[in-house]
Protein backbone atom coordinates (compact mmCIF):
# COMPACT_ATOMS: atom_id res chain seq x y z
CA UNK A 1 -7.69 -28.63 23.91
CA UNK A 2 -5.83 -29.87 27.03
CA UNK A 3 -7.45 -31.06 30.25
CA UNK A 4 -6.92 -27.75 32.08
CA UNK A 5 -8.81 -25.84 29.37
CA UNK A 6 -11.67 -28.35 29.42
CA UNK A 7 -11.76 -28.02 33.21
CA UNK A 8 -11.92 -24.23 32.95
CA UNK A 9 -14.82 -24.36 30.52
CA UNK A 10 -16.74 -26.89 32.64
CA UNK A 11 -16.32 -24.56 35.61
CA UNK A 12 -17.99 -21.88 33.52
CA UNK A 13 -21.00 -24.20 33.31
CA UNK A 14 -21.13 -24.41 37.09
CA UNK A 15 -19.21 -27.62 37.78
CA UNK A 16 -17.05 -27.93 40.90
CA UNK A 17 -13.58 -29.48 40.78
CA UNK A 18 -14.92 -32.61 42.46
CA UNK A 19 -17.76 -32.93 39.95
CA UNK A 20 -15.34 -32.46 37.05
CA UNK A 21 -12.98 -35.18 38.36
CA UNK A 22 -15.91 -37.58 38.72
CA UNK A 23 -17.17 -36.82 35.22
CA UNK A 24 -13.69 -37.31 33.75
CA UNK A 25 -13.55 -40.72 35.45
CA UNK A 26 -16.90 -41.69 33.91
CA UNK A 27 -15.66 -40.54 30.51
CA UNK A 28 -12.49 -42.59 30.89
CA UNK A 29 -14.45 -45.80 31.63
CA UNK A 30 -17.27 -45.14 29.18
CA UNK A 31 -19.58 -47.17 31.45
CA UNK A 32 -18.85 -48.46 34.93
CA UNK A 33 -20.34 -49.37 38.30
CA UNK A 34 -20.65 -46.68 40.96
CA UNK A 35 -18.10 -48.48 43.13
CA UNK A 36 -15.53 -48.47 40.34
CA UNK A 37 -16.06 -44.77 39.64
CA UNK A 38 -15.86 -43.94 43.34
CA UNK A 39 -12.59 -45.79 43.76
CA UNK A 40 -10.93 -44.18 40.73
CA UNK A 41 -12.24 -40.65 41.43
CA UNK A 42 -11.40 -40.77 45.14
CA UNK A 43 -14.96 -40.06 46.26
CA UNK A 44 -17.67 -41.99 48.09
CA UNK A 45 -20.11 -44.26 46.29
CA UNK A 46 -22.98 -42.15 47.73
CA UNK A 47 -21.43 -39.05 46.10
CA UNK A 48 -21.20 -40.88 42.76
CA UNK A 49 -24.92 -41.63 42.87
CA UNK A 50 -25.70 -38.02 43.80
CA UNK A 51 -23.54 -36.40 41.13
CA UNK A 52 -24.70 -38.92 38.52
CA UNK A 53 -28.30 -37.77 38.97
CA UNK A 54 -27.18 -34.18 38.34
CA UNK A 55 -25.11 -35.18 35.31
CA UNK A 56 -28.02 -37.18 33.92
CA UNK A 57 -30.37 -34.18 34.26
CA UNK A 58 -27.91 -32.11 32.23
CA UNK A 59 -27.50 -34.81 29.56
CA UNK A 60 -23.89 -35.76 30.35
CA UNK A 61 -24.52 -39.36 31.45
CA UNK A 62 -27.17 -42.03 31.60
CA UNK A 63 -27.83 -43.90 34.86
CA UNK A 64 -28.80 -47.51 34.25
CA UNK A 65 -30.64 -48.23 37.50
CA UNK A 66 -32.87 -50.85 35.90
CA UNK A 67 -30.03 -53.36 36.15
CA UNK A 68 -28.15 -54.72 39.15
CA UNK A 69 -25.63 -53.46 39.95
CA UNK A 70 -26.41 -49.95 38.68
CA UNK A 71 -24.02 -48.58 36.07
CA UNK A 72 -23.33 -45.07 34.85
CA UNK A 73 -22.65 -44.59 31.17
CA UNK A 74 -21.14 -41.46 29.61
CA UNK A 75 -23.17 -40.06 26.74
CA UNK A 76 -21.20 -39.42 23.53
CA UNK A 77 -19.59 -35.94 23.73
CA UNK A 78 -21.23 -34.84 20.45
CA UNK A 79 -24.65 -35.51 22.02
CA UNK A 80 -23.68 -33.55 25.13
CA UNK A 81 -22.51 -30.57 23.08
CA UNK A 82 -25.65 -30.69 20.90
CA UNK A 83 -27.87 -30.61 23.99
CA UNK A 84 -25.92 -27.74 25.56
CA UNK A 85 -26.20 -25.82 22.30
CA UNK A 86 -29.96 -26.36 22.19
CA UNK A 87 -30.32 -25.14 25.77
CA UNK A 88 -28.31 -22.01 25.06
CA UNK A 89 -30.29 -21.30 21.90
CA UNK A 90 -33.54 -21.79 23.82
CA UNK A 91 -32.40 -19.04 26.21
CA UNK A 92 -31.75 -16.56 23.40
CA UNK A 93 -35.29 -15.16 22.91
CA UNK A 94 -35.74 -14.56 26.62
CA UNK A 95 -32.33 -12.93 26.96
CA UNK A 96 -32.91 -10.73 23.92
CA UNK A 97 -36.31 -9.73 25.26
CA UNK A 98 -34.79 -8.62 28.56
CA UNK A 99 -31.87 -6.94 26.80
CA UNK A 100 -34.20 -4.85 24.62
CA UNK A 101 -36.05 -3.59 27.70
CA UNK A 102 -32.85 -2.50 29.39
CA UNK A 103 -31.39 0.97 28.91
CA UNK A 104 -27.89 0.55 27.56
CA UNK A 105 -25.16 2.74 29.01
CA UNK A 106 -24.06 5.39 26.57
CA UNK A 107 -20.46 5.29 25.42
CA UNK A 108 -18.80 8.52 26.54
CA UNK A 109 -16.56 8.93 23.50
CA UNK A 110 -16.80 7.40 20.05
CA UNK A 111 -14.56 8.15 17.09
CA UNK A 112 -16.46 7.86 13.80
CA UNK A 113 -14.63 7.55 10.49
CA UNK A 114 -17.60 6.99 8.17
CA UNK A 115 -19.77 9.77 6.71
CA UNK A 116 -22.73 7.39 6.68
CA UNK A 117 -22.25 6.63 10.37
CA UNK A 118 -22.09 10.33 11.26
CA UNK A 119 -25.42 10.92 9.49
CA UNK A 120 -26.89 7.94 11.31
CA UNK A 121 -25.69 9.26 14.68
CA UNK A 122 -27.15 12.70 13.94
CA UNK A 123 -30.51 11.14 13.09
CA UNK A 124 -30.41 8.97 16.22
CA UNK A 125 -29.57 11.85 18.54
CA UNK A 126 -32.27 14.09 17.07
CA UNK A 127 -34.84 11.36 17.69
CA UNK A 128 -33.78 11.22 21.37
CA UNK A 129 -33.89 14.96 22.12
CA UNK A 130 -36.48 15.97 24.70
CA UNK A 131 -35.53 19.55 25.61
CA UNK A 132 -33.17 21.38 23.27
CA UNK A 133 -31.03 20.93 20.17
CA UNK A 134 -28.22 23.08 18.80
CA UNK A 135 -27.15 22.14 15.29
CA UNK A 136 -24.73 23.55 12.75
CA UNK A 137 -24.81 21.87 9.31
CA UNK A 138 -24.08 22.63 5.64
CA UNK A 139 -27.28 23.21 3.68
CA UNK A 140 -26.57 20.17 1.48
CA UNK A 141 -27.08 17.94 4.53
CA UNK A 142 -30.58 19.19 5.39
CA UNK A 143 -32.54 16.90 3.02
CA UNK A 144 -31.07 13.90 4.84
CA UNK A 145 -32.16 15.04 8.30
CA UNK A 146 -35.12 17.37 7.78
CA UNK A 147 -37.67 14.69 8.69
CA UNK A 148 -35.93 14.12 12.03
CA UNK A 149 -35.69 17.88 12.60
CA UNK A 150 -39.39 18.37 11.85
CA UNK A 151 -40.34 15.54 14.22
CA UNK A 152 -38.11 17.05 16.91
CA UNK A 153 -39.83 20.44 16.62
CA UNK A 154 -43.23 18.72 16.69
CA UNK A 155 -42.28 17.16 20.06
CA UNK A 156 -41.90 20.66 21.49
CA UNK A 157 -38.09 20.63 21.54
CA UNK A 158 -36.18 23.90 21.11
CA UNK A 159 -34.15 23.59 17.90
CA UNK A 160 -31.53 26.23 17.09
CA UNK A 161 -30.37 25.56 13.54
CA UNK A 162 -27.35 27.20 11.94
CA UNK A 163 -27.17 26.54 8.19
CA UNK A 164 -23.85 27.12 6.47
CA UNK A 165 -24.45 28.70 3.14
CA UNK A 166 -22.01 27.21 0.68
CA UNK A 167 -24.51 26.96 -2.20
CA UNK A 168 -27.71 28.21 -0.58
CA UNK A 169 -30.35 29.58 -2.93
CA UNK A 170 -32.82 32.23 -1.78
CA UNK A 171 -35.81 29.98 -2.32
CA UNK A 172 -34.50 27.44 0.16
CA UNK A 173 -34.92 29.83 3.07
CA UNK A 174 -38.69 29.35 2.91
CA UNK A 175 -38.19 25.65 3.68
CA UNK A 176 -36.69 26.28 7.11
CA UNK A 177 -39.61 27.54 9.15
CA UNK A 178 -41.02 24.13 10.17
CA UNK A 179 -37.76 22.32 10.92
CA UNK A 180 -36.40 24.56 13.69
CA UNK A 181 -37.43 27.04 16.36
CA UNK A 182 -34.92 29.57 15.02
CA UNK A 183 -32.78 29.39 11.90
CA UNK A 184 -29.70 31.39 11.03
CA UNK A 185 -27.58 31.33 7.87
CA UNK A 186 -23.84 31.92 7.71
CA UNK A 187 -21.72 32.27 4.59
CA UNK A 188 -18.78 30.51 6.24
CA UNK A 189 -18.42 26.75 6.61
CA UNK A 190 -18.65 26.13 10.34
CA UNK A 191 -17.93 22.68 11.76
CA UNK A 192 -20.81 20.24 11.94
CA UNK A 193 -21.85 20.54 15.56
CA UNK A 194 -24.84 18.89 17.24
CA UNK A 195 -25.85 18.81 20.90
CA UNK A 196 -29.00 17.47 22.52
CA UNK A 197 -30.25 18.24 26.02
CA UNK A 198 -26.72 19.25 27.11
CA UNK A 199 -26.06 15.50 27.41
CA UNK A 200 -24.77 14.24 24.07
CA UNK A 201 -23.11 15.74 21.02
CA UNK A 202 -21.25 15.30 17.76
CA UNK A 203 -18.41 17.35 16.32
CA UNK A 204 -17.17 16.79 12.76
CA UNK A 205 -15.28 18.74 10.08
CA UNK A 206 -17.84 20.01 7.56
CA UNK A 207 -15.90 18.50 4.63
CA UNK A 208 -16.44 15.05 6.15
CA UNK A 209 -20.17 15.43 5.53
CA UNK A 210 -19.87 17.18 2.19
CA UNK A 211 -17.37 14.85 0.51
CA UNK A 212 -16.66 11.15 0.74
CA UNK A 213 -13.30 9.61 1.67
CA UNK A 214 -11.74 12.73 3.18
CA UNK A 215 -9.88 10.82 5.88
CA UNK A 216 -11.47 13.10 8.48
CA UNK A 217 -13.00 11.82 11.72
CA UNK A 218 -15.93 12.83 13.89
CA UNK A 219 -16.30 12.53 17.65
CA UNK A 220 -19.51 11.51 19.40
CA UNK A 221 -19.55 12.61 23.04
CA UNK A 222 -21.83 11.73 25.93
CA UNK A 223 -20.42 13.54 28.94
CA UNK A 224 -22.38 16.06 30.98
CA UNK A 225 -19.30 18.09 31.83
CA UNK A 226 -18.15 18.45 28.21
CA UNK A 227 -21.30 18.81 26.08
CA UNK A 228 -22.27 22.19 27.64
CA UNK A 229 -18.89 23.47 26.40
CA UNK A 230 -20.03 22.60 22.87
CA UNK A 231 -23.29 24.45 23.49
CA UNK A 232 -21.31 27.47 24.70
CA UNK A 233 -19.13 27.36 21.60
CA UNK A 234 -22.19 27.19 19.35
CA UNK A 235 -23.97 30.09 21.07
CA UNK A 236 -20.87 32.17 21.66
CA UNK A 237 -18.80 31.68 18.50
CA UNK A 238 -21.08 30.73 15.60
CA UNK A 239 -24.68 31.72 16.37
CA UNK A 240 -23.94 35.48 16.79
CA UNK A 241 -22.07 35.57 13.46
CA UNK A 242 -25.03 34.31 11.41
CA UNK A 243 -28.10 36.09 10.02
CA UNK A 244 -31.52 35.16 11.35
CA UNK A 245 -33.88 34.04 8.57
CA UNK A 246 -36.84 32.71 10.56
CA UNK A 247 -38.06 32.19 14.10
CA UNK A 248 -41.04 30.34 15.52
CA UNK A 249 -44.25 32.01 16.67
CA UNK A 250 -44.81 32.59 20.38
CA UNK A 251 -46.67 29.82 22.19
CA UNK A 252 -50.12 30.39 23.62
CA UNK A 253 -50.33 31.29 27.31
CA UNK A 254 -50.14 29.94 29.92
CA UNK A 255 -47.37 27.57 28.84
CA UNK A 256 -45.07 25.31 30.88
CA UNK A 257 -41.45 24.70 29.85
CA UNK A 258 -38.92 22.15 31.04
CA UNK A 259 -36.16 23.82 29.01
CA UNK A 260 -35.04 27.23 30.23
CA UNK A 261 -33.78 28.52 26.88
CA UNK A 262 -37.09 27.57 25.28
CA UNK A 263 -38.88 29.66 27.92
CA UNK A 264 -36.51 32.60 27.38
CA UNK A 265 -37.07 32.54 23.62
CA UNK A 266 -40.86 32.60 23.94
CA UNK A 267 -40.74 35.22 26.69
CA UNK A 268 -38.80 37.46 24.31
CA UNK A 269 -41.29 36.82 21.49
CA UNK A 270 -44.19 37.79 23.79
CA UNK A 271 -42.33 40.89 24.97
CA UNK A 272 -41.88 42.05 21.39
CA UNK A 273 -45.60 41.59 20.84
CA UNK A 274 -46.29 43.83 23.84
CA UNK A 275 -47.55 41.02 26.08
CA UNK A 276 -46.66 41.45 29.78
CA UNK A 277 -45.61 38.19 31.41
CA UNK A 278 -45.58 36.60 34.85
CA UNK A 279 -43.10 33.79 35.46
CA UNK A 280 -43.80 30.91 37.82
CA UNK A 281 -40.43 29.25 38.35
CA UNK A 282 -39.15 26.28 40.29
CA UNK A 283 -35.73 27.65 41.24
CA UNK A 284 -32.89 27.22 43.69
CA UNK A 285 -30.11 29.54 44.78
CA UNK A 286 -26.85 29.30 42.85
CA UNK A 287 -24.98 30.01 46.11
CA UNK A 288 -26.19 26.86 47.88
CA UNK A 289 -27.52 23.36 47.37
CA UNK A 290 -30.95 24.23 48.70
CA UNK A 291 -34.03 22.48 47.32
CA UNK A 292 -36.07 24.07 44.54
CA UNK A 293 -38.79 26.46 45.64
CA UNK A 294 -41.31 28.70 43.89
CA UNK A 295 -40.39 32.12 42.54
CA UNK A 296 -43.29 34.07 41.05
CA UNK A 297 -43.46 37.57 39.64
CA UNK A 298 -43.59 39.76 36.55
CA UNK A 299 -40.71 39.49 34.11
CA UNK A 300 -39.07 42.92 33.97
CA UNK A 301 -36.02 42.11 31.84
CA UNK A 302 -34.97 39.42 29.37
CA UNK A 303 -31.34 38.82 28.51
CA UNK A 304 -31.01 36.56 25.52
CA UNK A 305 -29.10 35.79 22.32
CA UNK A 306 -31.50 33.25 20.83
CA UNK A 307 -33.26 35.67 18.49
CA UNK A 308 -32.09 38.94 16.98
CA UNK A 309 -31.60 41.57 18.18
CA UNK A 310 -29.73 40.15 21.15
CA UNK A 311 -30.37 41.71 24.56
CA UNK A 312 -27.67 39.97 26.57
CA UNK A 313 -24.46 41.44 27.91
CA UNK A 314 -22.20 38.53 26.92
CA UNK A 315 -22.62 35.87 24.20
CA UNK A 316 -23.95 32.88 26.15
CA UNK A 317 -26.11 34.81 28.60
CA UNK A 318 -29.77 33.81 28.69
CA UNK A 319 -31.58 34.99 31.79
CA UNK A 320 -34.81 36.43 33.17
CA UNK A 321 -35.09 39.20 35.75
CA UNK A 322 -38.21 38.71 37.87
CA UNK A 323 -39.79 41.16 40.29
CA UNK A 324 -40.70 39.33 43.49
CA UNK A 325 -42.00 40.47 46.88
CA UNK A 326 -38.38 40.49 48.03
CA UNK A 327 -37.15 42.56 45.11
CA UNK A 328 -35.61 41.85 41.70
CA UNK A 329 -33.92 38.47 41.19
CA UNK A 330 -32.04 37.11 38.20
CA UNK A 331 -32.70 33.56 37.02
CA UNK A 332 -30.55 31.45 34.70
CA UNK A 333 -30.78 27.96 33.32
CA UNK A 334 -29.18 24.69 34.50
CA UNK A 335 -25.64 25.29 35.67
CA UNK A 336 -26.18 29.03 36.16
CA UNK A 337 -23.56 30.73 38.33
CA UNK A 338 -23.75 34.43 37.43
CA UNK A 339 -27.47 34.69 38.13
CA UNK A 340 -28.89 34.46 41.64
CA UNK A 341 -31.10 31.47 40.85
CA UNK A 342 -31.00 28.36 38.67
CA UNK A 343 -34.33 27.45 37.09
CA UNK A 344 -35.99 24.10 36.78
CA UNK A 345 -39.53 23.98 35.47
CA UNK A 346 -40.96 27.36 34.38
CA UNK A 347 -44.46 28.50 33.42
CA UNK A 348 -45.18 31.72 31.53
CA UNK A 349 -48.52 33.36 32.29
CA UNK A 350 -50.08 36.43 30.71
CA UNK A 351 -49.67 39.47 32.94
CA UNK A 352 -51.79 42.59 33.26
CA UNK A 353 -51.33 45.52 30.93
């Protein structure tokens, strides 16, 4: 390693050019008086004493001030390196502790070539979901992720599960009711498609999960503008083609929802049971950037495709029509643009017969 590279690395440890030149002079002499070092380094004797104290604190030199005249001796480089290594290692637990408490930025795109890694990513994303999950998987994959699915449902997350049927037996359908909010089965092999909270997702060819060493690749995406497109593809292209085999029971009232589609699903389940509903919605106009405000009134119409039979007018429509003092208003979920209002938090309350 030449002198310029050593200089660069010493700068990384916080040394100035002047300090490095002085240290190099001490190294070249091995041990010398302050006056000698000052003359050869082109600095004052006072500066030599000052920088020598700093170098001694860091283990680079030893100042022999018990003799007259005082001398400065360079410590062997192997001792210097050993001490620096110990100091860096001593920092490791504290740095790791802080690192573990810090939220790491999510990589926007990741190409995954390993089947094992895809399964791991699916499990990880399911464990992070807080609002809603859409998932299309071959039935052979379910045993590997059913624990994560069950835990996700138990956290109150909406889980729409599309099971592709390739070798599905009738008895297996009974195993679905506690691992998703709604389950549909399709005889075709749809792509493996997972989204959580409209924030992150995975897309993979189904054969990549069903067979090893296919040469296929999966994509993990964390981009707010793109993941809703995956959700739209799931709800618009695959979900309507499949047969519903089970759906959750309606939640007790009153019930608050952070996820709009979750609220729409349960509103529809209550409607089918003959239960009138009043919606209390934090909403804002889709025509402006106004703040959220309260909209309250009876639900007079539900447009949805989450459970069969569908009541929407186009595949991805999920909306509530609420009767307010100012008349009927339509409310959609996050990103709504066809409806008059975009919903935030929503509470369903039992209405009068």
